[in-house]
N, C-alpha and C. Protein backbone atom coordinates (compact mmCIF):
# COMPACT_ATOMS: atom_id res chain seq x y z
N MET A 1 52.45 -81.98 -137.71
CA MET A 1 53.19 -83.06 -136.24
C MET A 1 54.74 -83.84 -136.56
N ILE A 2 55.69 -83.46 -135.95
CA ILE A 2 56.72 -84.54 -136.16
C ILE A 2 56.90 -85.52 -135.23
N GLU A 3 57.36 -86.81 -135.93
CA GLU A 3 57.27 -87.70 -135.01
C GLU A 3 58.70 -88.17 -135.08
N GLU A 4 59.32 -88.71 -133.86
CA GLU A 4 60.63 -89.44 -134.02
C GLU A 4 60.61 -90.98 -133.86
N ARG A 5 61.19 -91.39 -134.84
CA ARG A 5 61.17 -92.54 -134.77
C ARG A 5 62.51 -93.27 -134.92
N LYS A 6 62.62 -94.62 -134.44
CA LYS A 6 63.75 -95.37 -134.60
C LYS A 6 64.14 -96.26 -135.55
N ILE A 7 64.54 -96.27 -136.40
CA ILE A 7 64.82 -96.96 -137.64
C ILE A 7 66.12 -97.58 -137.79
N LYS A 8 65.92 -99.19 -137.88
CA LYS A 8 67.27 -99.75 -138.31
C LYS A 8 67.53 -99.99 -139.60
N LEU A 9 68.44 -99.67 -139.81
CA LEU A 9 69.03 -99.32 -141.51
C LEU A 9 69.96 -100.80 -141.77
N ASN A 10 69.63 -101.46 -142.34
CA ASN A 10 70.10 -102.84 -142.89
C ASN A 10 71.45 -102.47 -143.85
N ASN A 11 72.69 -102.91 -143.87
CA ASN A 11 74.00 -102.67 -144.86
C ASN A 11 74.50 -101.42 -144.89
N VAL A 12 74.20 -100.63 -143.57
CA VAL A 12 74.70 -99.26 -143.29
C VAL A 12 75.93 -99.26 -142.58
N ILE A 13 77.26 -99.18 -143.17
CA ILE A 13 78.44 -98.90 -142.68
C ILE A 13 78.66 -97.83 -141.89
N SER A 14 78.99 -97.99 -140.80
CA SER A 14 79.05 -97.37 -139.54
C SER A 14 81.07 -97.79 -138.99
N SER A 15 81.06 -96.32 -138.28
CA SER A 15 82.44 -96.74 -137.74
C SER A 15 82.39 -97.93 -136.55
N ARG A 16 81.29 -98.05 -136.20
CA ARG A 16 81.09 -99.02 -135.40
C ARG A 16 81.37 -100.57 -135.38
N THR A 17 81.22 -100.48 -137.14
CA THR A 17 82.07 -102.01 -137.70
C THR A 17 82.98 -102.26 -137.89
N LEU A 18 83.82 -101.56 -138.00
CA LEU A 18 85.07 -101.69 -138.30
C LEU A 18 85.71 -101.88 -137.15
N GLY A 19 87.25 -102.23 -137.39
CA GLY A 19 87.94 -102.54 -136.44
C GLY A 19 88.62 -101.33 -136.23
N LYS A 20 89.10 -101.19 -134.77
CA LYS A 20 90.21 -100.06 -134.57
C LYS A 20 91.12 -99.59 -135.59
N GLY A 21 91.57 -100.26 -135.94
CA GLY A 21 92.74 -100.04 -137.31
C GLY A 21 92.21 -99.12 -138.27
N GLU A 22 91.51 -100.04 -138.51
CA GLU A 22 90.42 -99.45 -139.52
C GLU A 22 90.00 -97.89 -139.67
N ASN A 23 89.15 -97.69 -138.48
CA ASN A 23 88.46 -96.72 -138.46
C ASN A 23 89.65 -95.57 -137.78
N GLU A 24 90.62 -95.89 -137.65
CA GLU A 24 91.48 -94.91 -136.84
C GLU A 24 92.31 -94.48 -137.97
N THR A 25 92.45 -95.36 -139.05
CA THR A 25 93.18 -95.10 -140.64
C THR A 25 92.01 -93.94 -140.84
N ILE A 26 91.13 -94.09 -141.18
CA ILE A 26 90.31 -93.67 -142.22
C ILE A 26 89.93 -91.79 -141.23
N MET A 27 89.60 -92.00 -139.78
CA MET A 27 89.86 -90.80 -139.34
C MET A 27 90.60 -89.85 -139.69
N ILE A 28 92.46 -90.47 -140.14
CA ILE A 28 93.27 -89.99 -139.90
C ILE A 28 93.47 -89.57 -141.34
N CYS A 29 92.82 -90.28 -142.10
CA CYS A 29 92.65 -89.77 -143.67
C CYS A 29 92.10 -88.86 -143.98
N VAL A 30 90.82 -88.63 -143.46
CA VAL A 30 89.54 -87.69 -143.45
C VAL A 30 90.55 -85.89 -142.74
N LYS A 31 91.08 -86.49 -141.10
CA LYS A 31 91.78 -85.13 -141.24
C LYS A 31 92.67 -84.36 -141.93
N ASN A 32 93.61 -85.22 -142.35
CA ASN A 32 94.77 -85.11 -143.27
C ASN A 32 94.64 -84.97 -144.92
N LYS A 33 93.25 -85.17 -145.10
CA LYS A 33 92.95 -85.26 -146.44
C LYS A 33 93.99 -86.81 -146.97
N GLY A 34 93.62 -87.22 -146.63
CA GLY A 34 94.61 -88.56 -146.85
C GLY A 34 93.99 -89.26 -147.69
N ILE A 35 94.68 -90.44 -148.18
CA ILE A 35 94.10 -91.94 -148.75
C ILE A 35 94.38 -93.19 -148.14
N PRO A 36 92.94 -93.93 -148.00
CA PRO A 36 93.35 -95.27 -147.28
C PRO A 36 93.35 -95.96 -148.25
N VAL A 37 94.55 -96.87 -147.81
CA VAL A 37 94.82 -98.23 -148.21
C VAL A 37 94.18 -99.04 -147.70
N THR A 38 92.92 -100.02 -148.13
CA THR A 38 92.81 -100.69 -147.90
C THR A 38 92.16 -102.11 -148.58
N ASP A 39 91.86 -103.34 -148.36
CA ASP A 39 91.46 -103.88 -148.84
C ASP A 39 89.68 -104.82 -148.23
N ASP A 40 89.24 -104.32 -147.13
CA ASP A 40 88.65 -104.34 -146.28
C ASP A 40 87.31 -103.84 -147.01
N TYR A 41 86.15 -104.50 -147.60
CA TYR A 41 85.02 -104.28 -147.81
C TYR A 41 84.36 -103.35 -147.39
N GLN A 42 84.50 -103.71 -146.02
CA GLN A 42 82.90 -102.21 -144.91
C GLN A 42 84.33 -101.13 -145.16
N ALA A 43 85.48 -101.15 -144.75
CA ALA A 43 86.48 -99.76 -144.38
C ALA A 43 86.12 -99.28 -145.63
N ILE A 44 86.19 -99.78 -147.10
CA ILE A 44 86.58 -99.26 -148.58
C ILE A 44 84.72 -98.62 -148.20
N ASN A 45 83.65 -98.98 -148.22
CA ASN A 45 82.33 -98.32 -148.40
C ASN A 45 82.48 -97.44 -147.15
N TYR A 46 83.00 -97.41 -145.70
CA TYR A 46 82.80 -96.35 -145.12
C TYR A 46 83.93 -95.54 -145.77
N ALA A 47 84.86 -95.39 -145.90
CA ALA A 47 85.68 -94.19 -146.29
C ALA A 47 84.90 -93.75 -147.43
N LEU A 48 84.38 -94.03 -148.50
CA LEU A 48 83.66 -93.37 -149.23
C LEU A 48 82.33 -92.45 -148.71
N ASN A 49 82.10 -92.96 -147.87
CA ASN A 49 80.80 -92.45 -147.30
C ASN A 49 81.22 -91.19 -146.57
N CYS A 50 82.41 -91.34 -146.19
CA CYS A 50 83.22 -90.31 -145.54
C CYS A 50 83.67 -89.36 -146.51
N GLY A 51 83.46 -89.61 -148.15
CA GLY A 51 84.20 -88.50 -148.77
C GLY A 51 85.75 -88.45 -149.58
N LEU A 52 85.88 -90.13 -148.85
CA LEU A 52 87.77 -90.55 -149.29
C LEU A 52 87.82 -91.28 -150.18
N LYS A 53 88.52 -91.13 -150.96
CA LYS A 53 88.84 -92.29 -152.38
C LYS A 53 89.94 -93.18 -152.18
N PRO A 54 89.51 -94.27 -151.55
CA PRO A 54 90.22 -95.21 -150.98
C PRO A 54 91.17 -95.94 -152.36
N LYS A 55 92.02 -96.63 -151.85
CA LYS A 55 92.85 -97.72 -153.00
C LYS A 55 92.89 -98.83 -152.22
N THR A 56 92.42 -100.05 -153.53
CA THR A 56 92.59 -101.30 -153.01
C THR A 56 94.31 -101.80 -153.34
N SER A 57 94.75 -102.74 -153.08
CA SER A 57 95.94 -103.50 -153.40
C SER A 57 95.94 -103.00 -154.90
N GLU A 58 94.91 -103.87 -155.53
CA GLU A 58 94.57 -104.09 -157.07
C GLU A 58 95.19 -102.12 -157.97
N LEU A 59 94.53 -101.65 -156.99
CA LEU A 59 94.84 -100.27 -157.62
C LEU A 59 96.23 -100.05 -157.81
N ILE A 60 96.62 -100.16 -156.47
CA ILE A 60 98.03 -99.46 -156.68
C ILE A 60 98.83 -100.52 -157.31
N LEU A 61 98.72 -101.83 -157.14
CA LEU A 61 99.72 -102.88 -158.50
C LEU A 61 99.55 -102.13 -159.91
N LEU A 62 98.40 -101.69 -160.16
CA LEU A 62 98.32 -100.90 -162.07
C LEU A 62 98.71 -99.48 -161.64
N GLU A 63 98.69 -98.73 -160.40
CA GLU A 63 99.65 -97.48 -160.59
C GLU A 63 101.13 -97.53 -160.52
N LEU A 64 101.35 -98.44 -159.78
CA LEU A 64 102.77 -99.43 -159.67
C LEU A 64 103.40 -99.52 -161.52
N LEU A 65 102.68 -100.09 -161.93
CA LEU A 65 102.64 -100.52 -163.61
C LEU A 65 102.32 -99.38 -164.51
N GLU A 66 101.72 -98.57 -164.40
CA GLU A 66 101.49 -97.53 -165.07
C GLU A 66 102.97 -96.19 -165.32
N LYS A 67 103.60 -96.40 -163.69
CA LYS A 67 104.54 -95.47 -163.41
C LYS A 67 105.88 -96.34 -163.77
N ASN A 68 105.94 -97.42 -164.31
CA ASN A 68 107.06 -98.11 -164.67
C ASN A 68 107.85 -98.06 -163.00
N ILE A 69 107.30 -98.80 -162.29
CA ILE A 69 107.83 -98.79 -160.98
C ILE A 69 108.06 -100.61 -161.12
N ILE A 70 107.22 -101.28 -161.45
CA ILE A 70 106.92 -102.78 -161.97
C ILE A 70 107.29 -102.85 -163.07
N SER A 71 107.64 -104.15 -163.46
CA SER A 71 107.18 -104.74 -165.06
C SER A 71 105.55 -105.02 -165.07
N HIS A 72 105.51 -105.04 -166.61
CA HIS A 72 104.24 -106.12 -166.80
C HIS A 72 104.61 -107.63 -165.73
N LYS A 73 105.34 -107.91 -166.20
CA LYS A 73 105.58 -109.65 -165.66
C LYS A 73 105.63 -109.74 -163.97
N GLU A 74 106.19 -108.42 -163.32
CA GLU A 74 106.12 -108.49 -162.05
C GLU A 74 104.54 -108.12 -161.72
N PHE A 75 103.95 -107.26 -162.33
CA PHE A 75 102.40 -107.04 -162.08
C PHE A 75 101.84 -108.18 -162.23
N GLN A 76 101.94 -109.26 -163.30
CA GLN A 76 101.34 -110.79 -163.21
C GLN A 76 101.57 -111.51 -161.93
N ILE A 77 102.58 -111.54 -161.94
CA ILE A 77 102.97 -112.46 -160.97
C ILE A 77 102.25 -112.18 -159.54
N SER A 78 102.22 -110.41 -159.01
CA SER A 78 101.79 -110.20 -157.93
C SER A 78 100.28 -109.92 -158.12
N PHE A 79 99.72 -109.57 -159.17
CA PHE A 79 98.37 -109.54 -159.17
C PHE A 79 97.55 -111.30 -159.21
N ASN A 80 98.61 -111.62 -159.71
CA ASN A 80 98.00 -113.41 -159.59
C ASN A 80 97.69 -113.99 -157.89
N GLU A 81 98.92 -113.54 -157.35
CA GLU A 81 99.14 -114.09 -155.96
C GLU A 81 97.88 -113.44 -155.11
N LEU A 82 97.75 -112.14 -155.56
CA LEU A 82 96.86 -111.22 -154.73
C LEU A 82 95.36 -112.05 -155.21
N ALA A 83 94.70 -111.92 -156.34
CA ALA A 83 93.89 -112.43 -157.27
C ALA A 83 93.38 -113.95 -155.83
N HIS A 84 94.53 -115.06 -155.93
CA HIS A 84 94.27 -116.31 -155.11
C HIS A 84 93.71 -115.68 -153.76
N ILE A 85 94.91 -114.84 -153.15
CA ILE A 85 94.55 -114.78 -151.71
C ILE A 85 93.48 -114.11 -151.74
N LYS A 86 92.92 -112.80 -152.50
CA LYS A 86 91.52 -112.81 -151.84
C LYS A 86 90.45 -113.30 -152.75
N SER A 87 90.68 -114.15 -153.28
CA SER A 87 89.77 -115.08 -154.30
C SER A 87 88.58 -114.00 -154.78
N LEU A 88 89.19 -113.67 -155.67
CA LEU A 88 88.47 -112.36 -156.52
C LEU A 88 87.66 -112.89 -157.75
N LYS A 89 86.43 -112.86 -158.09
CA LYS A 89 85.81 -113.03 -158.87
C LYS A 89 86.40 -113.02 -160.74
N PRO A 90 86.20 -113.53 -161.25
CA PRO A 90 86.67 -114.21 -162.62
C PRO A 90 86.54 -112.56 -163.24
N ASP A 91 85.18 -112.30 -163.26
CA ASP A 91 84.89 -111.11 -163.93
C ASP A 91 86.06 -109.68 -163.67
N ILE A 92 86.61 -109.33 -162.36
CA ILE A 92 87.59 -108.60 -161.77
C ILE A 92 88.64 -108.94 -162.01
N VAL A 93 89.04 -110.39 -162.06
CA VAL A 93 90.32 -110.41 -162.42
C VAL A 93 90.82 -110.26 -164.13
N LEU A 94 89.82 -110.24 -165.12
CA LEU A 94 89.76 -110.32 -166.57
C LEU A 94 89.81 -108.57 -166.67
N PHE A 95 89.48 -107.51 -165.64
CA PHE A 95 89.21 -106.28 -165.47
C PHE A 95 90.48 -105.61 -165.51
N PHE A 96 90.83 -106.07 -164.15
CA PHE A 96 92.64 -105.71 -163.55
C PHE A 96 93.48 -105.86 -164.76
N LYS A 97 93.33 -107.26 -165.48
CA LYS A 97 94.39 -107.76 -166.66
C LYS A 97 94.10 -106.88 -167.57
N ASN A 98 92.64 -106.71 -168.19
CA ASN A 98 92.95 -105.95 -169.80
C ASN A 98 93.59 -104.44 -169.01
N ARG A 99 93.42 -103.97 -168.16
CA ARG A 99 93.41 -102.81 -167.64
C ARG A 99 95.33 -102.98 -167.88
N ALA A 100 95.61 -104.14 -167.33
CA ALA A 100 97.38 -103.99 -167.26
C ALA A 100 97.84 -103.59 -168.95
N GLU A 101 96.94 -104.39 -169.86
CA GLU A 101 97.16 -104.48 -171.50
C GLU A 101 97.12 -103.19 -171.39
N GLU A 102 96.22 -102.38 -171.33
CA GLU A 102 96.08 -101.05 -171.84
C GLU A 102 97.25 -100.23 -171.33
N ILE A 103 97.45 -100.39 -170.30
CA ILE A 103 99.04 -99.58 -169.80
C ILE A 103 99.76 -100.31 -170.99
N MET A 104 100.00 -101.18 -170.69
CA MET A 104 101.34 -101.66 -171.83
C MET A 104 101.50 -101.33 -173.26
N ASN A 105 100.40 -101.07 -173.60
CA ASN A 105 100.21 -100.64 -174.88
C ASN A 105 100.22 -99.11 -175.63
N LYS A 106 100.16 -98.49 -173.79
CA LYS A 106 100.53 -97.10 -174.67
C LYS A 106 101.73 -96.11 -175.08
């Protein structure tokens, strides 16, 4: 026998929990196979659930460094400002600074 049940799941990200801009951006990226850029935690999770590979500001800074578009000093200045604005945890800051060092040592 099949029974229909109404179950409320906690911590599930849906398009209804996002702002209009984030939702539209993700839907455009799904349609056009794009890459959403966002620092919004819920938008990142929703994009991942939609099969996308979202990028954050930190990842973009690393890519700019890797492609020699910005210098290591420019990365450090921008990343420090970003880490302060986003209140990044120390282990996250350390991860990105170590990754930047690895890129510079290549």
